[in-house]
Amino acid sequence: METTGSISNYAPPASHNPQVVRVVLSDIQMSFGSMVMFILKWMFASIPAFIVMAVIMSIIFGILGVMFGGALAGLAAALGS
C-alpha cells in the first residue's frame, strides 16, 4: 500500500514552546485490490466488537425484563389480554 501526501508550512514545535500542529491529508493513492482487502479486514475486525455489544445488551435487557416484566404482565392482565 503506497500513500503520498504533503505537509505545507510545517515547523516542528520548540521544546520550550509546544504548539498544536495541524495536518491536512489531501489524497491517498491506493489500488482497488488493497482497498478491498482493507475493507474486508475492517469488516472481520468488527465481528468481535458486535459479539461483545450483543452480550452487553442481552445482559441489560435481561435485567430490565426481570425488573419490569412483572409490571407489564400485571398491566396485560388488567387490560384483559
PDB file of N, CA and C in Angstrom:
ATOM      1  N   MET A   1       0.853  -1.157   0.000  1.00  0.00           N
ATOM      2  CA  MET A   1       0.000   0.000   0.000  1.00  0.00           C
ATOM      3  C   MET A   1       0.905   1.228   0.000  1.00  0.00           C
ATOM      4  N   GLU A   2       0.735   2.061  -0.964  1.00  0.00           N
ATOM      5  CA  GLU A   2       1.560   3.252  -1.101  1.00  0.00           C
ATOM      6  C   GLU A   2       0.704   4.483  -0.881  1.00  0.00           C
ATOM      7  N   THR A   3       1.172   5.348  -0.016  1.00  0.00           N
ATOM      8  CA  THR A   3       0.437   6.583   0.230  1.00  0.00           C
ATOM      9  C   THR A   3       1.346   7.759  -0.058  1.00  0.00           C
ATOM     10  N   THR A   4       0.772   8.820  -0.550  1.00  0.00           N
ATOM     11  CA  THR A   4       1.530  10.047  -0.782  1.00  0.00           C
ATOM     12  C   THR A   4       0.756  11.207  -0.210  1.00  0.00           C
ATOM     13  N   GLY A   5       1.436  12.249   0.097  1.00  0.00           N
ATOM     14  CA  GLY A   5       0.796  13.437   0.618  1.00  0.00           C
ATOM     15  C   GLY A   5       1.838  14.508   0.853  1.00  0.00           C
ATOM     16  N   SER A   6       1.406  15.658   1.254  1.00  0.00           N
ATOM     17  CA  SER A   6       2.359  16.731   1.523  1.00  0.00           C
ATOM     18  C   SER A   6       1.884  17.522   2.736  1.00  0.00           C
ATOM     19  N   ILE A   7       2.842  18.027   3.454  1.00  0.00           N
ATOM     20  CA  ILE A   7       2.562  18.887   4.597  1.00  0.00           C
ATOM     21  C   ILE A   7       3.220  20.224   4.290  1.00  0.00           C
ATOM     22  N   SER A   8       2.400  21.255   4.194  1.00  0.00           N
ATOM     23  CA  SER A   8       2.960  22.565   3.878  1.00  0.00           C
ATOM     24  C   SER A   8       3.094  23.390   5.148  1.00  0.00           C
ATOM     25  N   ASN A   9       4.133  24.191   5.176  1.00  0.00           N
ATOM     26  CA  ASN A   9       4.388  25.123   6.283  1.00  0.00           C
ATOM     27  C   ASN A   9       4.488  24.398   7.624  1.00  0.00           C
ATOM     28  N   TYR A  10       5.170  23.284   7.634  1.00  0.00           N
ATOM     29  CA  TYR A  10       5.330  22.536   8.872  1.00  0.00           C
ATOM     30  C   TYR A  10       6.592  23.005   9.576  1.00  0.00           C
ATOM     31  N   ALA A  11       6.443  23.391  10.821  1.00  0.00           N
ATOM     32  CA  ALA A  11       7.582  23.747  11.648  1.00  0.00           C
ATOM     33  C   ALA A  11       7.476  22.927  12.920  1.00  0.00           C
ATOM     34  N   PRO A  12       8.485  22.106  13.220  1.00  0.00           N
ATOM     35  CA  PRO A  12       8.401  21.309  14.442  1.00  0.00           C
ATOM     36  C   PRO A  12       8.356  22.217  15.672  1.00  0.00           C
ATOM     37  N   PRO A  13       7.560  21.847  16.660  1.00  0.00           N
ATOM     38  CA  PRO A  13       7.446  22.701  17.837  1.00  0.00           C
ATOM     39  C   PRO A  13       8.743  22.736  18.634  1.00  0.00           C
ATOM     40  N   ALA A  14       9.058  23.869  19.155  1.00  0.00           N
ATOM     41  CA  ALA A  14      10.231  24.002  20.012  1.00  0.00           C
ATOM     42  C   ALA A  14       9.935  23.348  21.354  1.00  0.00           C
ATOM     43  N   SER A  15      10.956  22.840  21.990  1.00  0.00           N
ATOM     44  CA  SER A  15      10.749  22.133  23.258  1.00  0.00           C
ATOM     45  C   SER A  15      10.257  23.064  24.353  1.00  0.00           C
ATOM     46  N   HIS A  16      10.625  24.334  24.299  1.00  0.00           N
ATOM     47  CA  HIS A  16      10.192  25.280  25.334  1.00  0.00           C
ATOM     48  C   HIS A  16       8.856  25.937  24.999  1.00  0.00           C
ATOM     49  N   ASN A  17       8.369  25.768  23.756  1.00  0.00           N
ATOM     50  CA  ASN A  17       7.116  26.394  23.340  1.00  0.00           C
ATOM     51  C   ASN A  17       6.300  25.380  22.536  1.00  0.00           C
ATOM     52  N   PRO A  18       5.649  24.430  23.211  1.00  0.00           N
ATOM     53  CA  PRO A  18       4.872  23.431  22.450  1.00  0.00           C
ATOM     54  C   PRO A  18       3.661  24.080  21.783  1.00  0.00           C
ATOM     55  N   GLN A  19       3.346  23.610  20.601  1.00  0.00           N
ATOM     56  CA  GLN A  19       2.203  24.137  19.873  1.00  0.00           C
ATOM     57  C   GLN A  19       1.493  23.008  19.150  1.00  0.00           C
ATOM     58  N   VAL A  20       0.263  23.261  18.756  1.00  0.00           N
ATOM     59  CA  VAL A  20      -0.520  22.285  18.021  1.00  0.00           C
ATOM     60  C   VAL A  20      -0.169  22.410  16.551  1.00  0.00           C
ATOM     61  N   VAL A  21       0.129  21.278  15.925  1.00  0.00           N
ATOM     62  CA  VAL A  21       0.446  21.269  14.504  1.00  0.00           C
ATOM     63  C   VAL A  21      -0.718  20.612  13.781  1.00  0.00           C
ATOM     64  N   ARG A  22      -1.336  21.329  12.854  1.00  0.00           N
ATOM     65  CA  ARG A  22      -2.451  20.783  12.085  1.00  0.00           C
ATOM     66  C   ARG A  22      -1.933  20.190  10.791  1.00  0.00           C
ATOM     67  N   VAL A  23      -2.446  19.012  10.466  1.00  0.00           N
ATOM     68  CA  VAL A  23      -2.066  18.331   9.237  1.00  0.00           C
ATOM     69  C   VAL A  23      -3.333  18.061   8.445  1.00  0.00           C
ATOM     70  N   VAL A  24      -3.326  18.393   7.168  1.00  0.00           N
ATOM     71  CA  VAL A  24      -4.461  18.140   6.285  1.00  0.00           C
ATOM     72  C   VAL A  24      -4.038  17.086   5.279  1.00  0.00           C
ATOM     73  N   LEU A  25      -4.733  15.979   5.282  1.00  0.00           N
ATOM     74  CA  LEU A  25      -4.456  14.901   4.336  1.00  0.00           C
ATOM     75  C   LEU A  25      -5.255  15.184   3.077  1.00  0.00           C
ATOM     76  N   SER A  26      -4.562  15.339   1.973  1.00  0.00           N
ATOM     77  CA  SER A  26      -5.256  15.752   0.753  1.00  0.00           C
ATOM     78  C   SER A  26      -5.577  14.594  -0.177  1.00  0.00           C
ATOM     79  N   ASP A  27      -4.823  13.492  -0.124  1.00  0.00           N
ATOM     80  CA  ASP A  27      -5.060  12.405  -1.063  1.00  0.00           C
ATOM     81  C   ASP A  27      -4.398  11.130  -0.553  1.00  0.00           C
ATOM     82  N   ILE A  28      -5.045  10.013  -0.811  1.00  0.00           N
ATOM     83  CA  ILE A  28      -4.457   8.702  -0.546  1.00  0.00           C
ATOM     84  C   ILE A  28      -4.530   7.913  -1.838  1.00  0.00           C
ATOM     85  N   GLN A  29      -3.399   7.477  -2.323  1.00  0.00           N
ATOM     86  CA  GLN A  29      -3.379   6.660  -3.533  1.00  0.00           C
ATOM     87  C   GLN A  29      -3.295   5.199  -3.107  1.00  0.00           C
ATOM     88  N   MET A  30      -4.352   4.463  -3.419  1.00  0.00           N
ATOM     89  CA  MET A  30      -4.442   3.073  -3.003  1.00  0.00           C
ATOM     90  C   MET A  30      -5.061   2.282  -4.135  1.00  0.00           C
ATOM     91  N   SER A  31      -4.473   1.144  -4.434  1.00  0.00           N
ATOM     92  CA  SER A  31      -5.042   0.330  -5.503  1.00  0.00           C
ATOM     93  C   SER A  31      -6.373  -0.268  -5.058  1.00  0.00           C
ATOM     94  N   PHE A  32      -7.186  -0.655  -6.038  1.00  0.00           N
ATOM     95  CA  PHE A  32      -8.515  -1.193  -5.726  1.00  0.00           C
ATOM     96  C   PHE A  32      -8.407  -2.471  -4.893  1.00  0.00           C
ATOM     97  N   GLY A  33      -7.478  -3.348  -5.254  1.00  0.00           N
ATOM     98  CA  GLY A  33      -7.303  -4.595  -4.501  1.00  0.00           C
ATOM     99  C   GLY A  33      -6.908  -4.352  -3.063  1.00  0.00           C
ATOM    100  N   SER A  34      -6.007  -3.389  -2.831  1.00  0.00           N
ATOM    101  CA  SER A  34      -5.604  -3.049  -1.466  1.00  0.00           C
ATOM    102  C   SER A  34      -6.774  -2.469  -0.685  1.00  0.00           C
ATOM    103  N   MET A  35      -7.598  -1.679  -1.364  1.00  0.00           N
ATOM    104  CA  MET A  35      -8.759  -1.092  -0.699  1.00  0.00           C
ATOM    105  C   MET A  35      -9.769  -2.171  -0.311  1.00  0.00           C
ATOM    106  N   VAL A  36      -9.982  -3.139  -1.181  1.00  0.00           N
ATOM    107  CA  VAL A  36     -10.902  -4.240  -0.877  1.00  0.00           C
ATOM    108  C   VAL A  36     -10.381  -5.039   0.311  1.00  0.00           C
ATOM    109  N   MET A  37      -9.079  -5.328   0.334  1.00  0.00           N
ATOM    110  CA  MET A  37      -8.508  -6.080   1.459  1.00  0.00           C
ATOM    111  C   MET A  37      -8.627  -5.284   2.764  1.00  0.00           C
ATOM    112  N   PHE A  38      -8.415  -3.983   2.694  1.00  0.00           N
ATOM    113  CA  PHE A  38      -8.550  -3.138   3.876  1.00  0.00           C
ATOM    114  C   PHE A  38      -9.978  -3.171   4.412  1.00  0.00           C
ATOM    115  N   ILE A  39     -10.954  -3.077   3.524  1.00  0.00           N
ATOM    116  CA  ILE A  39     -12.362  -3.104   3.943  1.00  0.00           C
ATOM    117  C   ILE A  39     -12.727  -4.473   4.522  1.00  0.00           C
ATOM    118  N   LEU A  40     -12.235  -5.550   3.921  1.00  0.00           N
ATOM    119  CA  LEU A  40     -12.520  -6.892   4.449  1.00  0.00           C
ATOM    120  C   LEU A  40     -11.916  -7.081   5.835  1.00  0.00           C
ATOM    121  N   LYS A  41     -10.690  -6.622   6.029  1.00  0.00           N
ATOM    122  CA  LYS A  41     -10.059  -6.727   7.348  1.00  0.00           C
ATOM    123  C   LYS A  41     -10.838  -5.920   8.380  1.00  0.00           C
ATOM    124  N   TRP A  42     -11.312  -4.737   7.979  1.00  0.00           N
ATOM    125  CA  TRP A  42     -12.101  -3.883   8.866  1.00  0.00           C
ATOM    126  C   TRP A  42     -13.412  -4.574   9.234  1.00  0.00           C
ATOM    127  N   MET A  43     -14.017  -5.235   8.243  1.00  0.00           N
ATOM    128  CA  MET A  43     -15.278  -5.932   8.484  1.00  0.00           C
ATOM    129  C   MET A  43     -15.077  -7.093   9.461  1.00  0.00           C
ATOM    130  N   PHE A  44     -14.034  -7.893   9.239  1.00  0.00           N
ATOM    131  CA  PHE A  44     -13.794  -9.025  10.130  1.00  0.00           C
ATOM    132  C   PHE A  44     -13.374  -8.564  11.529  1.00  0.00           C
ATOM    133  N   ALA A  45     -12.713  -7.429  11.632  1.00  0.00           N
ATOM    134  CA  ALA A  45     -12.326  -6.906  12.942  1.00  0.00           C
ATOM    135  C   ALA A  45     -13.532  -6.416  13.728  1.00  0.00           C
ATOM    136  N   SER A  46     -14.612  -6.073  13.054  1.00  0.00           N
ATOM    137  CA  SER A  46     -15.796  -5.570  13.756  1.00  0.00           C
ATOM    138  C   SER A  46     -16.659  -6.694  14.333  1.00  0.00           C
ATOM    139  N   ILE A  47     -16.470  -7.929  13.887  1.00  0.00           N
ATOM    140  CA  ILE A  47     -17.300  -9.045  14.362  1.00  0.00           C
ATOM    141  C   ILE A  47     -17.150  -9.264  15.871  1.00  0.00           C
ATOM    142  N   PRO A  48     -15.931  -9.326  16.433  1.00  0.00           N
ATOM    143  CA  PRO A  48     -15.839  -9.485  17.895  1.00  0.00           C
ATOM    144  C   PRO A  48     -16.470  -8.326  18.659  1.00  0.00           C
ATOM    145  N   ALA A  49     -16.356  -7.118  18.132  1.00  0.00           N
ATOM    146  CA  ALA A  49     -16.985  -5.972  18.806  1.00  0.00           C
ATOM    147  C   ALA A  49     -18.499  -6.120  18.807  1.00  0.00           C
ATOM    148  N   PHE A  50     -19.060  -6.613  17.710  1.00  0.00           N
ATOM    149  CA  PHE A  50     -20.502  -6.835  17.654  1.00  0.00           C
ATOM    150  C   PHE A  50     -20.928  -7.899  18.666  1.00  0.00           C
ATOM    151  N   ILE A  51     -20.153  -8.952  18.796  1.00  0.00           N
ATOM    152  CA  ILE A  51     -20.479 -10.019  19.751  1.00  0.00           C
ATOM    153  C   ILE A  51     -20.453  -9.476  21.182  1.00  0.00           C
ATOM    154  N   VAL A  52     -19.430  -8.689  21.506  1.00  0.00           N
ATOM    155  CA  VAL A  52     -19.332  -8.109  22.853  1.00  0.00           C
ATOM    156  C   VAL A  52     -20.523  -7.198  23.116  1.00  0.00           C
ATOM    157  N   MET A  53     -20.884  -6.353  22.142  1.00  0.00           N
ATOM    158  CA  MET A  53     -22.030  -5.459  22.328  1.00  0.00           C
ATOM    159  C   MET A  53     -23.333  -6.244  22.468  1.00  0.00           C
ATOM    160  N   ALA A  54     -23.488  -7.346  21.732  1.00  0.00           N
ATOM    161  CA  ALA A  54     -24.695  -8.161  21.843  1.00  0.00           C
ATOM    162  C   ALA A  54     -24.807  -8.775  23.233  1.00  0.00           C
ATOM    163  N   VAL A  55     -23.695  -9.233  23.795  1.00  0.00           N
ATOM    164  CA  VAL A  55     -23.711  -9.812  25.140  1.00  0.00           C
ATOM    165  C   VAL A  55     -24.074  -8.738  26.169  1.00  0.00           C
ATOM    166  N   ILE A  56     -23.468  -7.569  26.046  1.00  0.00           N
ATOM    167  CA  ILE A  56     -23.761  -6.483  26.988  1.00  0.00           C
ATOM    168  C   ILE A  56     -25.232  -6.078  26.906  1.00  0.00           C
ATOM    169  N   MET A  57     -25.761  -5.930  25.693  1.00  0.00           N
ATOM    170  CA  MET A  57     -27.167  -5.546  25.539  1.00  0.00           C
ATOM    171  C   MET A  57     -28.102  -6.646  26.049  1.00  0.00           C
ATOM    172  N   SER A  58     -27.742  -7.910  25.865  1.00  0.00           N
ATOM    173  CA  SER A  58     -28.561  -9.006  26.391  1.00  0.00           C
ATOM    174  C   SER A  58     -28.634  -8.957  27.910  1.00  0.00           C
ATOM    175  N   ILE A  59     -27.511  -8.673  28.532  1.00  0.00           N
ATOM    176  CA  ILE A  59     -27.498  -8.570  29.997  1.00  0.00           C
ATOM    177  C   ILE A  59     -28.371  -7.406  30.454  1.00  0.00           C
ATOM    178  N   ILE A  60     -28.221  -6.249  29.791  1.00  0.00           N
ATOM    179  CA  ILE A  60     -29.014  -5.071  30.173  1.00  0.00           C
ATOM    180  C   ILE A  60     -30.500  -5.336  29.993  1.00  0.00           C
ATOM    181  N   PHE A  61     -30.895  -5.881  28.833  1.00  0.00           N
ATOM    182  CA  PHE A  61     -32.315  -6.144  28.597  1.00  0.00           C
ATOM    183  C   PHE A  61     -32.833  -7.270  29.493  1.00  0.00           C
ATOM    184  N   GLY A  62     -31.982  -8.227  29.858  1.00  0.00           N
ATOM    185  CA  GLY A  62     -32.386  -9.261  30.800  1.00  0.00           C
ATOM    186  C   GLY A  62     -32.693  -8.677  32.170  1.00  0.00           C
ATOM    187  N   ILE A  63     -31.829  -7.762  32.627  1.00  0.00           N
ATOM    188  CA  ILE A  63     -32.061  -7.113  33.918  1.00  0.00           C
ATOM    189  C   ILE A  63     -33.336  -6.276  33.870  1.00  0.00           C
ATOM    190  N   LEU A  64     -33.512  -5.511  32.788  1.00  0.00           N
ATOM    191  CA  LEU A  64     -34.730  -4.706  32.661  1.00  0.00           C
ATOM    192  C   LEU A  64     -35.975  -5.581  32.555  1.00  0.00           C
ATOM    193  N   GLY A  65     -35.870  -6.724  31.908  1.00  0.00           N
ATOM    194  CA  GLY A  65     -37.006  -7.640  31.809  1.00  0.00           C
ATOM    195  C   GLY A  65     -37.396  -8.207  33.150  1.00  0.00           C
ATOM    196  N   VAL A  66     -36.405  -8.522  33.970  1.00  0.00           N
ATOM    197  CA  VAL A  66     -36.696  -9.027  35.316  1.00  0.00           C
ATOM    198  C   VAL A  66     -37.325  -7.924  36.168  1.00  0.00           C
ATOM    199  N   MET A  67     -36.817  -6.709  36.027  1.00  0.00           N
ATOM    200  CA  MET A  67     -37.323  -5.611  36.846  1.00  0.00           C
ATOM    201  C   MET A  67     -38.740  -5.198  36.442  1.00  0.00           C
ATOM    202  N   PHE A  68     -38.998  -5.095  35.148  1.00  0.00           N
ATOM    203  CA  PHE A  68     -40.278  -4.569  34.688  1.00  0.00           C
ATOM    204  C   PHE A  68     -41.195  -5.617  34.072  1.00  0.00           C
ATOM    205  N   GLY A  69     -40.752  -6.840  33.960  1.00  0.00           N
ATOM    206  CA  GLY A  69     -41.572  -7.886  33.347  1.00  0.00           C
ATOM    207  C   GLY A  69     -42.834  -8.175  34.130  1.00  0.00           C
ATOM    208  N   GLY A  70     -42.738  -8.205  35.454  1.00  0.00           N
ATOM    209  CA  GLY A  70     -43.897  -8.432  36.286  1.00  0.00           C
ATOM    210  C   GLY A  70     -44.907  -7.292  36.175  1.00  0.00           C
ATOM    211  N   ALA A  71     -44.410  -6.087  36.076  1.00  0.00           N
ATOM    212  CA  ALA A  71     -45.304  -4.931  35.971  1.00  0.00           C
ATOM    213  C   ALA A  71     -46.066  -4.972  34.646  1.00  0.00           C
ATOM    214  N   LEU A  72     -45.377  -5.354  33.585  1.00  0.00           N
ATOM    215  CA  LEU A  72     -46.043  -5.422  32.288  1.00  0.00           C
ATOM    216  C   LEU A  72     -47.021  -6.584  32.223  1.00  0.00           C
ATOM    217  N   ALA A  73     -46.717  -7.681  32.914  1.00  0.00           N
ATOM    218  CA  ALA A  73     -47.647  -8.817  32.928  1.00  0.00           C
ATOM    219  C   ALA A  73     -48.909  -8.442  33.719  1.00  0.00           C
ATOM    220  N   GLY A  74     -48.740  -7.711  34.795  1.00  0.00           N
ATOM    221  CA  GLY A  74     -49.891  -7.262  35.574  1.00  0.00           C
ATOM    222  C   GLY A  74     -50.753  -6.283  34.776  1.00  0.00           C
ATOM    223  N   LEU A  75     -50.121  -5.431  34.002  1.00  0.00           N
ATOM    224  CA  LEU A  75     -50.835  -4.485  33.164  1.00  0.00           C
ATOM    225  C   LEU A  75     -51.627  -5.223  32.085  1.00  0.00           C
ATOM    226  N   ALA A  76     -51.028  -6.232  31.481  1.00  0.00           N
ATOM    227  CA  ALA A  76     -51.721  -7.003  30.445  1.00  0.00           C
ATOM    228  C   ALA A  76     -52.921  -7.743  31.033  1.00  0.00           C
ATOM    229  N   ALA A  77     -52.768  -8.274  32.257  1.00  0.00           N
ATOM    230  CA  ALA A  77     -53.892  -8.975  32.899  1.00  0.00           C
ATOM    231  C   ALA A  77     -55.001  -7.995  33.244  1.00  0.00           C
ATOM    232  N   ALA A  78     -54.648  -6.793  33.637  1.00  0.00           N
ATOM    233  CA  ALA A  78     -55.647  -5.785  33.978  1.00  0.00           C
ATOM    234  C   ALA A  78     -56.434  -5.329  32.750  1.00  0.00           C
ATOM    235  N   LEU A  79     -55.781  -5.324  31.602  1.00  0.00           N
ATOM    236  CA  LEU A  79     -56.445  -4.915  30.381  1.00  0.00           C
ATOM    237  C   LEU A  79     -57.259  -6.047  29.764  1.00  0.00           C
ATOM    238  N   GLY A  80     -57.119  -7.238  30.301  1.00  0.00           N
ATOM    239  CA  GLY A  80     -57.907  -8.376  29.837  1.00  0.00           C
ATOM    240  C   GLY A  80     -57.358  -9.044  28.591  1.00  0.00           C
ATOM    241  N   SER A  81     -56.063  -8.964  28.381  1.00  0.00           N
ATOM    242  CA  SER A  81     -55.481  -9.581  27.177  1.00  0.00           C
ATOM    243  C   SER A  81     -55.356 -11.072  27.334  1.00  0.00           C
TER     244      SER A  81
END
